[in-house]
Amino acid sequence: MLNFLKTYALFISMLVGIVFHKYLAWMSPVTGYILFLMLLITYCRVSPRQLKPEPLHFRMACVQIAGCFLVYWVLAPFNLDLAYGSMLCVLSPTATSAPVFAALLGGSVATLATYCIASNLSVAFLAPLTFSLLGAHGATEELTFIEAFVTICVKVMPLLLGPFVLAALMKKITPKVHSRLQNVQILSFWLWVVALGILMAKITSDFIILEEKMHSAAIILALGSAVICITQFSVGWYLGGKHKNRVAGGQGLGQKNTILAIWMAQSFFNPVVAIAPAAYVLWQNLINSYQLWRHRKGNQN
């Protein structure tokens, strides 16, 4: 029974979030705290000496930066909201939960943790500049570069660096607790199951309250983000395979910090654009669920 739950937990969590969205959506602010705990447990497995740049990191960064401009220029002549939403799904940094999934899939936590930190830091600098170059309006008319940079940092840095710093301190101050957290990595998985259900409930609620005339636009952006998601995972797997680190490549490019992406869409563009990164949550977790299912099936055989 436990193996069944582990294999299908993410599918079940998404379904529960969609069906019971009325009762779970209000809990969305809790997801940040859950992600913090997940990262703390995961980073207890990583030594600071393991965090070093690799050729794979450079290749993924090139795809992420060049890809966001390419996607925008291809789609802008057809649908500007789709172009902005798809661009955000590419530019958005690696999810802070990606190292957790790397561990669950048997990948290199250190490789992905390094890229996760570098990706989030670089996007904090690049996002305001990128939005200005692409002619984004909205809140950018009221935010200077420094203000936008500080706002993004305030949202990202505590969640990104806090667990890493705390894990390093615990190793020095409370080594026994640190050691115990090293041995309960499966707890990260169950925390993500809970967070995913809450996140899907919030997305479902937000979609339902959209005006009816916006539903067709929402479907177009959601389908666009599906194509972007599959493409990014595929390119990541390919690059990772070249460096014998397929899991880190796929998660590094495919699993995105969608919470930050949704905020950027609402702050720099408009609520319709935010549908693309919101739908990306569904697509990336469907892929992650399938990967986890295959990984567990393979281990059982």
C-alpha atoms as a PDB file:
ATOM      1  CA  MET A   1       0.000   0.000   0.000  1.00  0.00           C
ATOM      2  CA  LEU A   2       2.820   2.408   0.908  1.00  0.00           C
ATOM      3  CA  ASN A   3       4.616   1.728  -2.388  1.00  0.00           C
ATOM      4  CA  PHE A   4       1.366   2.423  -4.259  1.00  0.00           C
ATOM      5  CA  LEU A   5       0.961   5.766  -2.473  1.00  0.00           C
ATOM      6  CA  LYS A   6       4.576   6.743  -3.184  1.00  0.00           C
ATOM      7  CA  THR A   7       4.163   5.930  -6.870  1.00  0.00           C
ATOM      8  CA  TYR A   8       0.863   7.736  -7.447  1.00  0.00           C
ATOM      9  CA  ALA A   9       0.956  10.366  -4.681  1.00  0.00           C
ATOM     10  CA  LEU A  10       1.592  13.346  -6.979  1.00  0.00           C
ATOM     11  CA  PHE A  11      -1.252  12.376  -9.323  1.00  0.00           C
ATOM     12  CA  ILE A  12      -3.590  11.937  -6.348  1.00  0.00           C
ATOM     13  CA  SER A  13      -2.456  15.246  -4.819  1.00  0.00           C
ATOM     14  CA  MET A  14      -3.203  17.208  -8.017  1.00  0.00           C
ATOM     15  CA  LEU A  15      -6.615  15.562  -8.333  1.00  0.00           C
ATOM     16  CA  VAL A  16      -7.489  16.333  -4.707  1.00  0.00           C
ATOM     17  CA  GLY A  17      -6.404  19.954  -5.158  1.00  0.00           C
ATOM     18  CA  ILE A  18      -8.611  20.371  -8.245  1.00  0.00           C
ATOM     19  CA  VAL A  19     -11.691  18.651  -6.787  1.00  0.00           C
ATOM     20  CA  PHE A  20     -11.511  20.277  -3.357  1.00  0.00           C
ATOM     21  CA  HIS A  21     -10.184  23.665  -4.425  1.00  0.00           C
ATOM     22  CA  LYS A  22     -12.870  25.523  -2.454  1.00  0.00           C
ATOM     23  CA  TYR A  23     -11.522  24.119   0.790  1.00  0.00           C
ATOM     24  CA  LEU A  24      -7.781  24.181   0.083  1.00  0.00           C
ATOM     25  CA  ALA A  25      -7.099  27.355  -1.929  1.00  0.00           C
ATOM     26  CA  TRP A  26      -7.036  29.585   1.164  1.00  0.00           C
ATOM     27  CA  MET A  27      -3.980  27.654   2.402  1.00  0.00           C
ATOM     28  CA  SER A  28      -1.769  28.836  -0.504  1.00  0.00           C
ATOM     29  CA  PRO A  29       0.423  31.133   1.691  1.00  0.00           C
ATOM     30  CA  VAL A  30       1.549  27.998   3.566  1.00  0.00           C
ATOM     31  CA  THR A  31       3.366  26.637   0.490  1.00  0.00           C
ATOM     32  CA  GLY A  32       6.332  28.964   1.055  1.00  0.00           C
ATOM     33  CA  TYR A  33       6.936  27.496   4.519  1.00  0.00           C
ATOM     34  CA  ILE A  34       6.584  23.962   3.170  1.00  0.00           C
ATOM     35  CA  LEU A  35       9.157  24.680   0.456  1.00  0.00           C
ATOM     36  CA  PHE A  36      11.511  26.070   3.110  1.00  0.00           C
ATOM     37  CA  LEU A  37      11.313  22.818   5.097  1.00  0.00           C
ATOM     38  CA  MET A  38      11.744  20.731   1.935  1.00  0.00           C
ATOM     39  CA  LEU A  39      14.892  22.620   1.006  1.00  0.00           C
ATOM     40  CA  LEU A  40      16.278  22.452   4.529  1.00  0.00           C
ATOM     41  CA  ILE A  41      15.983  18.655   4.523  1.00  0.00           C
ATOM     42  CA  THR A  42      17.478  18.418   1.040  1.00  0.00           C
ATOM     43  CA  TYR A  43      20.383  20.800   1.689  1.00  0.00           C
ATOM     44  CA  CYS A  44      21.373  18.770   4.737  1.00  0.00           C
ATOM     45  CA  ARG A  45      22.693  16.295   2.146  1.00  0.00           C
ATOM     46  CA  VAL A  46      24.862  18.908   0.444  1.00  0.00           C
ATOM     47  CA  SER A  47      28.260  20.165   1.556  1.00  0.00           C
ATOM     48  CA  PRO A  48      29.192  23.754   0.580  1.00  0.00           C
ATOM     49  CA  ARG A  49      32.366  22.308  -0.961  1.00  0.00           C
ATOM     50  CA  GLN A  50      30.186  20.399  -3.429  1.00  0.00           C
ATOM     51  CA  LEU A  51      28.722  23.619  -4.852  1.00  0.00           C
ATOM     52  CA  LYS A  52      30.899  24.481  -7.830  1.00  0.00           C
ATOM     53  CA  PRO A  53      30.231  25.587 -11.423  1.00  0.00           C
ATOM     54  CA  GLU A  54      30.146  22.933 -14.134  1.00  0.00           C
ATOM     55  CA  PRO A  55      30.018  23.076 -17.954  1.00  0.00           C
ATOM     56  CA  LEU A  56      26.401  21.875 -17.775  1.00  0.00           C
ATOM     57  CA  HIS A  57      25.470  24.993 -15.797  1.00  0.00           C
ATOM     58  CA  PHE A  58      26.835  27.277 -18.528  1.00  0.00           C
ATOM     59  CA  ARG A  59      24.927  25.455 -21.259  1.00  0.00           C
ATOM     60  CA  MET A  60      21.654  25.562 -19.337  1.00  0.00           C
ATOM     61  CA  ALA A  61      22.114  29.284 -18.632  1.00  0.00           C
ATOM     62  CA  CYS A  62      22.642  29.971 -22.356  1.00  0.00           C
ATOM     63  CA  VAL A  63      19.441  28.097 -23.209  1.00  0.00           C
ATOM     64  CA  GLN A  64      17.504  29.926 -20.506  1.00  0.00           C
ATOM     65  CA  ILE A  65      18.633  33.439 -21.485  1.00  0.00           C
ATOM     66  CA  ALA A  66      18.696  33.081 -25.274  1.00  0.00           C
ATOM     67  CA  GLY A  67      15.529  30.965 -25.245  1.00  0.00           C
ATOM     68  CA  CYS A  68      13.367  33.629 -23.598  1.00  0.00           C
ATOM     69  CA  PHE A  69      14.194  36.161 -26.345  1.00  0.00           C
ATOM     70  CA  LEU A  70      13.758  33.592 -29.111  1.00  0.00           C
ATOM     71  CA  VAL A  71      10.332  32.508 -27.838  1.00  0.00           C
ATOM     72  CA  TYR A  72       9.194  36.129 -27.549  1.00  0.00           C
ATOM     73  CA  TRP A  73      10.311  37.116 -31.066  1.00  0.00           C
ATOM     74  CA  VAL A  74       8.667  34.046 -32.605  1.00  0.00           C
ATOM     75  CA  LEU A  75       5.301  34.482 -30.862  1.00  0.00           C
ATOM     76  CA  ALA A  76       4.939  38.269 -30.536  1.00  0.00           C
ATOM     77  CA  PRO A  77       3.651  38.813 -34.113  1.00  0.00           C
ATOM     78  CA  PHE A  78       0.778  36.383 -33.439  1.00  0.00           C
ATOM     79  CA  ASN A  79      -0.236  36.961 -29.801  1.00  0.00           C
ATOM     80  CA  LEU A  80       1.562  39.380 -27.481  1.00  0.00           C
ATOM     81  CA  ASP A  81       0.145  37.908 -24.247  1.00  0.00           C
ATOM     82  CA  LEU A  82       1.189  34.419 -25.380  1.00  0.00           C
ATOM     83  CA  ALA A  83       4.663  35.760 -26.210  1.00  0.00           C
ATOM     84  CA  TYR A  84       5.061  37.371 -22.788  1.00  0.00           C
ATOM     85  CA  GLY A  85       3.693  34.332 -20.932  1.00  0.00           C
ATOM     86  CA  SER A  86       5.875  31.857 -22.832  1.00  0.00           C
ATOM     87  CA  MET A  87       8.912  34.091 -22.403  1.00  0.00           C
ATOM     88  CA  LEU A  88       8.352  34.118 -18.637  1.00  0.00           C
ATOM     89  CA  CYS A  89       8.143  30.312 -18.577  1.00  0.00           C
ATOM     90  CA  VAL A  90      11.619  30.195 -20.142  1.00  0.00           C
ATOM     91  CA  LEU A  91      13.241  33.086 -18.254  1.00  0.00           C
ATOM     92  CA  SER A  92      11.879  31.960 -14.889  1.00  0.00           C
ATOM     93  CA  PRO A  93      14.659  30.498 -12.704  1.00  0.00           C
ATOM     94  CA  THR A  94      14.910  26.898 -11.574  1.00  0.00           C
ATOM     95  CA  ALA A  95      12.398  25.978  -8.869  1.00  0.00           C
ATOM     96  CA  THR A  96      13.674  25.923  -5.318  1.00  0.00           C
ATOM     97  CA  SER A  97      12.099  22.466  -5.036  1.00  0.00           C
ATOM     98  CA  ALA A  98      14.123  21.105  -8.002  1.00  0.00           C
ATOM     99  CA  PRO A  99      16.972  19.743  -5.828  1.00  0.00           C
ATOM    100  CA  VAL A 100      14.340  17.817  -3.872  1.00  0.00           C
ATOM    101  CA  PHE A 101      13.154  16.084  -7.026  1.00  0.00           C
ATOM    102  CA  ALA A 102      16.741  15.494  -8.126  1.00  0.00           C
ATOM    103  CA  ALA A 103      17.273  13.563  -4.898  1.00  0.00           C
ATOM    104  CA  LEU A 104      14.036  11.599  -5.352  1.00  0.00           C
ATOM    105  CA  LEU A 105      15.011  10.679  -8.932  1.00  0.00           C
ATOM    106  CA  GLY A 106      18.542   9.659  -8.015  1.00  0.00           C
ATOM    107  CA  GLY A 107      20.204  12.721  -9.563  1.00  0.00           C
ATOM    108  CA  SER A 108      22.969  15.004  -8.326  1.00  0.00           C
ATOM    109  CA  VAL A 109      21.622  17.331  -5.621  1.00  0.00           C
ATOM    110  CA  ALA A 110      24.849  19.361  -5.538  1.00  0.00           C
ATOM    111  CA  THR A 111      24.803  20.027  -9.307  1.00  0.00           C
ATOM    112  CA  LEU A 112      21.197  21.182  -9.237  1.00  0.00           C
ATOM    113  CA  ALA A 113      21.522  23.142  -5.991  1.00  0.00           C
ATOM    114  CA  THR A 114      24.413  25.108  -7.517  1.00  0.00           C
ATOM    115  CA  TYR A 115      22.440  25.922 -10.666  1.00  0.00           C
ATOM    116  CA  CYS A 116      19.297  26.701  -8.662  1.00  0.00           C
ATOM    117  CA  ILE A 117      21.123  29.359  -6.642  1.00  0.00           C
ATOM    118  CA  ALA A 118      22.903  30.805  -9.701  1.00  0.00           C
ATOM    119  CA  SER A 119      19.706  30.777 -11.773  1.00  0.00           C
ATOM    120  CA  ASN A 120      17.638  32.642  -9.194  1.00  0.00           C
ATOM    121  CA  LEU A 121      20.375  35.206  -8.542  1.00  0.00           C
ATOM    122  CA  SER A 122      20.907  35.902 -12.247  1.00  0.00           C
ATOM    123  CA  VAL A 123      17.191  36.276 -12.981  1.00  0.00           C
ATOM    124  CA  ALA A 124      16.905  38.855 -10.203  1.00  0.00           C
ATOM    125  CA  PHE A 125      19.349  40.974 -12.235  1.00  0.00           C
ATOM    126  CA  LEU A 126      18.150  40.051 -15.729  1.00  0.00           C
ATOM    127  CA  ALA A 127      14.364  40.231 -15.343  1.00  0.00           C
ATOM    128  CA  PRO A 128      13.941  44.031 -15.066  1.00  0.00           C
ATOM    129  CA  LEU A 129      16.391  44.601 -17.939  1.00  0.00           C
ATOM    130  CA  THR A 130      14.724  41.932 -20.104  1.00  0.00           C
ATOM    131  CA  PHE A 131      11.245  43.322 -19.515  1.00  0.00           C
ATOM    132  CA  SER A 132      12.412  46.818 -20.491  1.00  0.00           C
ATOM    133  CA  LEU A 133      14.060  45.543 -23.684  1.00  0.00           C
ATOM    134  CA  LEU A 134      10.869  43.732 -24.674  1.00  0.00           C
ATOM    135  CA  GLY A 135       8.726  46.815 -24.122  1.00  0.00           C
ATOM    136  CA  ALA A 136       6.763  45.547 -21.137  1.00  0.00           C
ATOM    137  CA  HIS A 137       4.554  48.093 -19.428  1.00  0.00           C
ATOM    138  CA  GLY A 138       2.210  47.846 -16.480  1.00  0.00           C
ATOM    139  CA  ALA A 139       3.943  48.038 -13.139  1.00  0.00           C
ATOM    140  CA  THR A 140       7.318  48.675 -14.770  1.00  0.00           C
ATOM    141  CA  GLU A 141       6.231  52.266 -15.280  1.00  0.00           C
ATOM    142  CA  GLU A 142       6.199  52.678 -11.500  1.00  0.00           C
ATOM    143  CA  LEU A 143       9.227  50.545 -10.588  1.00  0.00           C
ATOM    144  CA  THR A 144      12.807  51.607 -11.220  1.00  0.00           C
ATOM    145  CA  PHE A 145      15.447  48.976 -11.984  1.00  0.00           C
ATOM    146  CA  ILE A 146      16.723  49.085  -8.386  1.00  0.00           C
ATOM    147  CA  GLU A 147      13.204  48.855  -6.941  1.00  0.00           C
ATOM    148  CA  ALA A 148      12.328  45.880  -9.137  1.00  0.00           C
ATOM    149  CA  PHE A 149      15.630  44.193  -8.310  1.00  0.00           C
ATOM    150  CA  VAL A 150      15.161  44.646  -4.565  1.00  0.00           C
ATOM    151  CA  THR A 151      11.535  43.454  -4.715  1.00  0.00           C
ATOM    152  CA  ILE A 152      12.469  40.270  -6.569  1.00  0.00           C
ATOM    153  CA  CYS A 153      15.381  39.634  -4.191  1.00  0.00           C
ATOM    154  CA  VAL A 154      13.150  40.068  -1.146  1.00  0.00           C
ATOM    155  CA  LYS A 155      10.753  37.484  -2.560  1.00  0.00           C
ATOM    156  CA  VAL A 156      13.394  34.985  -3.642  1.00  0.00           C
ATOM    157  CA  MET A 157      16.406  35.166  -1.346  1.00  0.00           C
ATOM    158  CA  PRO A 158      14.912  34.141   2.029  1.00  0.00           C
ATOM    159  CA  LEU A 159      13.397  30.998   0.536  1.00  0.00           C
ATOM    160  CA  LEU A 160      16.437  30.275  -1.611  1.00  0.00           C
ATOM    161  CA  LEU A 161      19.344  30.951   0.731  1.00  0.00           C
ATOM    162  CA  GLY A 162      17.661  30.591   4.128  1.00  0.00           C
ATOM    163  CA  PRO A 163      17.484  26.766   4.176  1.00  0.00           C
ATOM    164  CA  PHE A 164      21.051  26.479   2.867  1.00  0.00           C
ATOM    165  CA  VAL A 165      22.453  28.776   5.568  1.00  0.00           C
ATOM    166  CA  LEU A 166      20.378  27.073   8.269  1.00  0.00           C
ATOM    167  CA  ALA A 167      21.542  23.609   7.158  1.00  0.00           C
ATOM    168  CA  ALA A 168      25.185  24.767   7.333  1.00  0.00           C
ATOM    169  CA  LEU A 169      24.641  26.228  10.820  1.00  0.00           C
ATOM    170  CA  MET A 170      22.907  23.071  12.039  1.00  0.00           C
ATOM    171  CA  LYS A 171      25.854  20.979  10.867  1.00  0.00           C
ATOM    172  CA  LYS A 172      28.114  23.060  13.110  1.00  0.00           C
ATOM    173  CA  ILE A 173      25.814  23.708  16.072  1.00  0.00           C
ATOM    174  CA  THR A 174      23.434  20.725  16.177  1.00  0.00           C
ATOM    175  CA  PRO A 175      25.167  17.912  14.248  1.00  0.00           C
ATOM    176  CA  LYS A 176      22.809  15.245  15.627  1.00  0.00           C
ATOM    177  CA  VAL A 177      19.723  17.024  14.299  1.00  0.00           C
ATOM    178  CA  HIS A 178      21.519  17.618  11.007  1.00  0.00           C
ATOM    179  CA  SER A 179      22.348  13.923  10.772  1.00  0.00           C
ATOM    180  CA  ARG A 180      18.733  12.935  11.434  1.00  0.00           C
ATOM    181  CA  LEU A 181      17.488  15.224   8.687  1.00  0.00           C
ATOM    182  CA  GLN A 182      19.982  13.611   6.319  1.00  0.00           C
ATOM    183  CA  ASN A 183      18.273  10.290   6.966  1.00  0.00           C
ATOM    184  CA  VAL A 184      14.649  11.419   6.458  1.00  0.00           C
ATOM    185  CA  GLN A 185      14.865  12.635   2.853  1.00  0.00           C
ATOM    186  CA  ILE A 186      11.546  10.942   2.066  1.00  0.00           C
ATOM    187  CA  LEU A 187       9.877  13.590   4.259  1.00  0.00           C
ATOM    188  CA  SER A 188      10.654  16.143   1.512  1.00  0.00           C
ATOM    189  CA  PHE A 189       8.562  14.108  -0.877  1.00  0.00           C
ATOM    190  CA  TRP A 190       5.507  14.007   1.382  1.00  0.00           C
ATOM    191  CA  LEU A 191       5.814  17.737   2.102  1.00  0.00           C
ATOM    192  CA  TRP A 192       5.785  18.371  -1.658  1.00  0.00           C
ATOM    193  CA  VAL A 193       2.688  16.171  -2.024  1.00  0.00           C
ATOM    194  CA  VAL A 194       0.890  18.467   0.422  1.00  0.00           C
ATOM    195  CA  ALA A 195       2.205  21.654  -1.211  1.00  0.00           C
ATOM    196  CA  LEU A 196       1.224  20.462  -4.684  1.00  0.00           C
ATOM    197  CA  GLY A 197      -2.374  19.810  -3.641  1.00  0.00           C
ATOM    198  CA  ILE A 198      -2.662  23.309  -2.173  1.00  0.00           C
ATOM    199  CA  LEU A 199      -1.036  24.869  -5.243  1.00  0.00           C
ATOM    200  CA  MET A 200      -3.406  23.091  -7.641  1.00  0.00           C
ATOM    201  CA  ALA A 201      -6.371  24.229  -5.550  1.00  0.00           C
ATOM    202  CA  LYS A 202      -5.245  27.876  -5.831  1.00  0.00           C
ATOM    203  CA  ILE A 203      -4.726  27.619  -9.602  1.00  0.00           C
ATOM    204  CA  THR A 204      -8.152  26.014 -10.071  1.00  0.00           C
ATOM    205  CA  SER A 205      -9.841  28.724  -8.016  1.00  0.00           C
ATOM    206  CA  ASP A 206      -8.087  31.502  -9.935  1.00  0.00           C
ATOM    207  CA  PHE A 207      -9.140  30.020 -13.283  1.00  0.00           C
ATOM    208  CA  ILE A 208     -12.789  29.680 -12.246  1.00  0.00           C
ATOM    209  CA  ILE A 209     -13.099  33.347 -11.258  1.00  0.00           C
ATOM    210  CA  LEU A 210     -11.778  34.552 -14.633  1.00  0.00           C
ATOM    211  CA  GLU A 211     -14.310  36.356 -16.772  1.00  0.00           C
ATOM    212  CA  GLU A 212     -15.875  34.076 -19.379  1.00  0.00           C
ATOM    213  CA  LYS A 213     -14.444  36.092 -22.295  1.00  0.00           C
ATOM    214  CA  MET A 214     -10.927  35.433 -20.952  1.00  0.00           C
ATOM    215  CA  HIS A 215     -11.307  31.634 -20.942  1.00  0.00           C
ATOM    216  CA  SER A 216     -10.299  31.234 -24.601  1.00  0.00           C
ATOM    217  CA  ALA A 217      -7.175  33.341 -24.025  1.00  0.00           C
ATOM    218  CA  ALA A 218      -6.429  31.278 -20.930  1.00  0.00           C
ATOM    219  CA  ILE A 219      -6.617  28.039 -22.922  1.00  0.00           C
ATOM    220  CA  ILE A 220      -4.214  29.394 -25.560  1.00  0.00           C
ATOM    221  CA  LEU A 221      -1.683  30.456 -22.919  1.00  0.00           C
ATOM    222  CA  ALA A 222      -2.055  27.147 -21.061  1.00  0.00           C
ATOM    223  CA  LEU A 223      -1.400  25.138 -24.238  1.00  0.00           C
ATOM    224  CA  GLY A 224       1.556  27.377 -25.076  1.00  0.00           C
ATOM    225  CA  SER A 225       3.082  26.764 -21.659  1.00  0.00           C
ATOM    226  CA  ALA A 226       2.628  23.002 -22.182  1.00  0.00           C
ATOM    227  CA  VAL A 227       4.757  23.155 -25.354  1.00  0.00           C
ATOM    228  CA  ILE A 228       7.379  25.263 -23.560  1.00  0.00           C
ATOM    229  CA  CYS A 229       7.434  22.864 -20.602  1.00  0.00           C
ATOM    230  CA  ILE A 230       7.923  19.734 -22.721  1.00  0.00           C
ATOM    231  CA  THR A 231      10.586  21.477 -24.810  1.00  0.00           C
ATOM    232  CA  GLN A 232      12.560  22.661 -21.782  1.00  0.00           C
ATOM    233  CA  PHE A 233      12.538  19.253 -20.109  1.00  0.00           C
ATOM    234  CA  SER A 234      13.587  17.630 -23.404  1.00  0.00           C
ATOM    235  CA  VAL A 235      16.472  20.054 -23.994  1.00  0.00           C
ATOM    236  CA  GLY A 236      17.522  19.660 -20.363  1.00  0.00           C
ATOM    237  CA  TRP A 237      17.544  15.871 -20.616  1.00  0.00           C
ATOM    238  CA  TYR A 238      19.588  16.111 -23.813  1.00  0.00           C
ATOM    239  CA  LEU A 239      22.180  18.486 -22.327  1.00  0.00           C
ATOM    240  CA  GLY A 240      22.281  16.550 -19.062  1.00  0.00           C
ATOM    241  CA  GLY A 241      22.815  13.312 -20.972  1.00  0.00           C
ATOM    242  CA  LYS A 242      25.850  14.852 -22.678  1.00  0.00           C
ATOM    243  CA  HIS A 243      27.330  15.445 -19.214  1.00  0.00           C
ATOM    244  CA  LYS A 244      26.111  12.148 -17.708  1.00  0.00           C
ATOM    245  CA  ASN A 245      23.719  14.105 -15.492  1.00  0.00           C
ATOM    246  CA  ARG A 246      20.343  13.705 -17.200  1.00  0.00           C
ATOM    247  CA  VAL A 247      18.209  14.278 -14.100  1.00  0.00           C
ATOM    248  CA  ALA A 248      19.929  17.563 -13.189  1.00  0.00           C
ATOM    249  CA  GLY A 249      19.651  18.797 -16.782  1.00  0.00           C
ATOM    250  CA  GLY A 250      15.944  18.038 -17.023  1.00  0.00           C
ATOM    251  CA  GLN A 251      15.041  19.491 -13.639  1.00  0.00           C
ATOM    252  CA  GLY A 252      17.350  22.490 -14.065  1.00  0.00           C
ATOM    253  CA  LEU A 253      15.706  23.653 -17.286  1.00  0.00           C
ATOM    254  CA  GLY A 254      12.239  22.139 -16.927  1.00  0.00           C
ATOM    255  CA  GLN A 255      11.206  22.702 -13.313  1.00  0.00           C
ATOM    256  CA  LYS A 256      10.562  26.410 -12.821  1.00  0.00           C
ATOM    257  CA  ASN A 257      10.032  28.801  -9.933  1.00  0.00           C
ATOM    258  CA  THR A 258       6.435  29.388 -11.022  1.00  0.00           C
ATOM    259  CA  ILE A 259       5.511  31.333  -7.899  1.00  0.00           C
ATOM    260  CA  LEU A 260       8.076  33.975  -8.860  1.00  0.00           C
ATOM    261  CA  ALA A 261       7.005  33.805 -12.528  1.00  0.00           C
ATOM    262  CA  ILE A 262       3.357  34.426 -11.628  1.00  0.00           C
ATOM    263  CA  TRP A 263       4.343  37.423  -9.513  1.00  0.00           C
ATOM    264  CA  MET A 264       6.465  38.853 -12.348  1.00  0.00           C
ATOM    265  CA  ALA A 265       3.579  38.403 -14.803  1.00  0.00           C
ATOM    266  CA  GLN A 266       1.182  40.258 -12.526  1.00  0.00           C
ATOM    267  CA  SER A 267       3.694  42.997 -11.687  1.00  0.00           C
ATOM    268  CA  PHE A 268       5.173  43.694 -15.124  1.00  0.00           C
ATOM    269  CA  PHE A 269       2.415  42.610 -17.526  1.00  0.00           C
ATOM    270  CA  ASN A 270      -1.235  41.737 -16.755  1.00  0.00           C
ATOM    271  CA  PRO A 271      -3.284  38.988 -15.050  1.00  0.00           C
ATOM    272  CA  VAL A 272      -3.912  37.164 -18.346  1.00  0.00           C
ATOM    273  CA  VAL A 273      -0.164  36.671 -18.896  1.00  0.00           C
ATOM    274  CA  ALA A 274       0.044  35.056 -15.442  1.00  0.00           C
ATOM    275  CA  ILE A 275      -2.048  32.133 -16.749  1.00  0.00           C
ATOM    276  CA  ALA A 276       0.963  30.736 -18.635  1.00  0.00           C
ATOM    277  CA  PRO A 277       3.215  30.197 -15.579  1.00  0.00           C
ATOM    278  CA  ALA A 278       0.163  29.133 -13.544  1.00  0.00           C
ATOM    279  CA  ALA A 279      -0.597  26.387 -16.084  1.00  0.00           C
ATOM    280  CA  TYR A 280       3.106  25.500 -16.149  1.00  0.00           C
ATOM    281  CA  VAL A 281       2.666  24.295 -12.567  1.00  0.00           C
ATOM    282  CA  LEU A 282       0.333  21.574 -13.835  1.00  0.00           C
ATOM    283  CA  TRP A 283       2.501  20.516 -16.781  1.00  0.00           C
ATOM    284  CA  GLN A 284       5.774  20.320 -14.888  1.00  0.00           C
ATOM    285  CA  ASN A 285       4.210  18.305 -12.100  1.00  0.00           C
ATOM    286  CA  LEU A 286       2.586  15.906 -14.543  1.00  0.00           C
ATOM    287  CA  ILE A 287       6.047  15.302 -16.009  1.00  0.00           C
ATOM    288  CA  ASN A 288       7.579  15.006 -12.539  1.00  0.00           C
ATOM    289  CA  SER A 289       4.860  12.582 -11.482  1.00  0.00           C
ATOM    290  CA  TYR A 290       5.529  10.428 -14.539  1.00  0.00           C
ATOM    291  CA  GLN A 291       9.287  10.533 -13.930  1.00  0.00           C
ATOM    292  CA  LEU A 292       8.832   9.537 -10.312  1.00  0.00           C
ATOM    293  CA  TRP A 293       6.452   6.742 -11.289  1.00  0.00           C
ATOM    294  CA  ARG A 294       8.968   5.359 -13.806  1.00  0.00           C
ATOM    295  CA  HIS A 295      11.848   5.711 -11.328  1.00  0.00           C
ATOM    296  CA  ARG A 296      10.001   3.826  -8.602  1.00  0.00           C
ATOM    297  CA  LYS A 297       8.816   1.163 -11.054  1.00  0.00           C
ATOM    298  CA  GLY A 298      12.389   0.700 -12.222  1.00  0.00           C
ATOM    299  CA  ASN A 299      13.646   0.309  -8.667  1.00  0.00           C
ATOM    300  CA  GLN A 300      10.975  -2.277  -7.915  1.00  0.00           C
ATOM    301  CA  ASN A 301      11.944  -4.427 -10.929  1.00  0.00           C
END
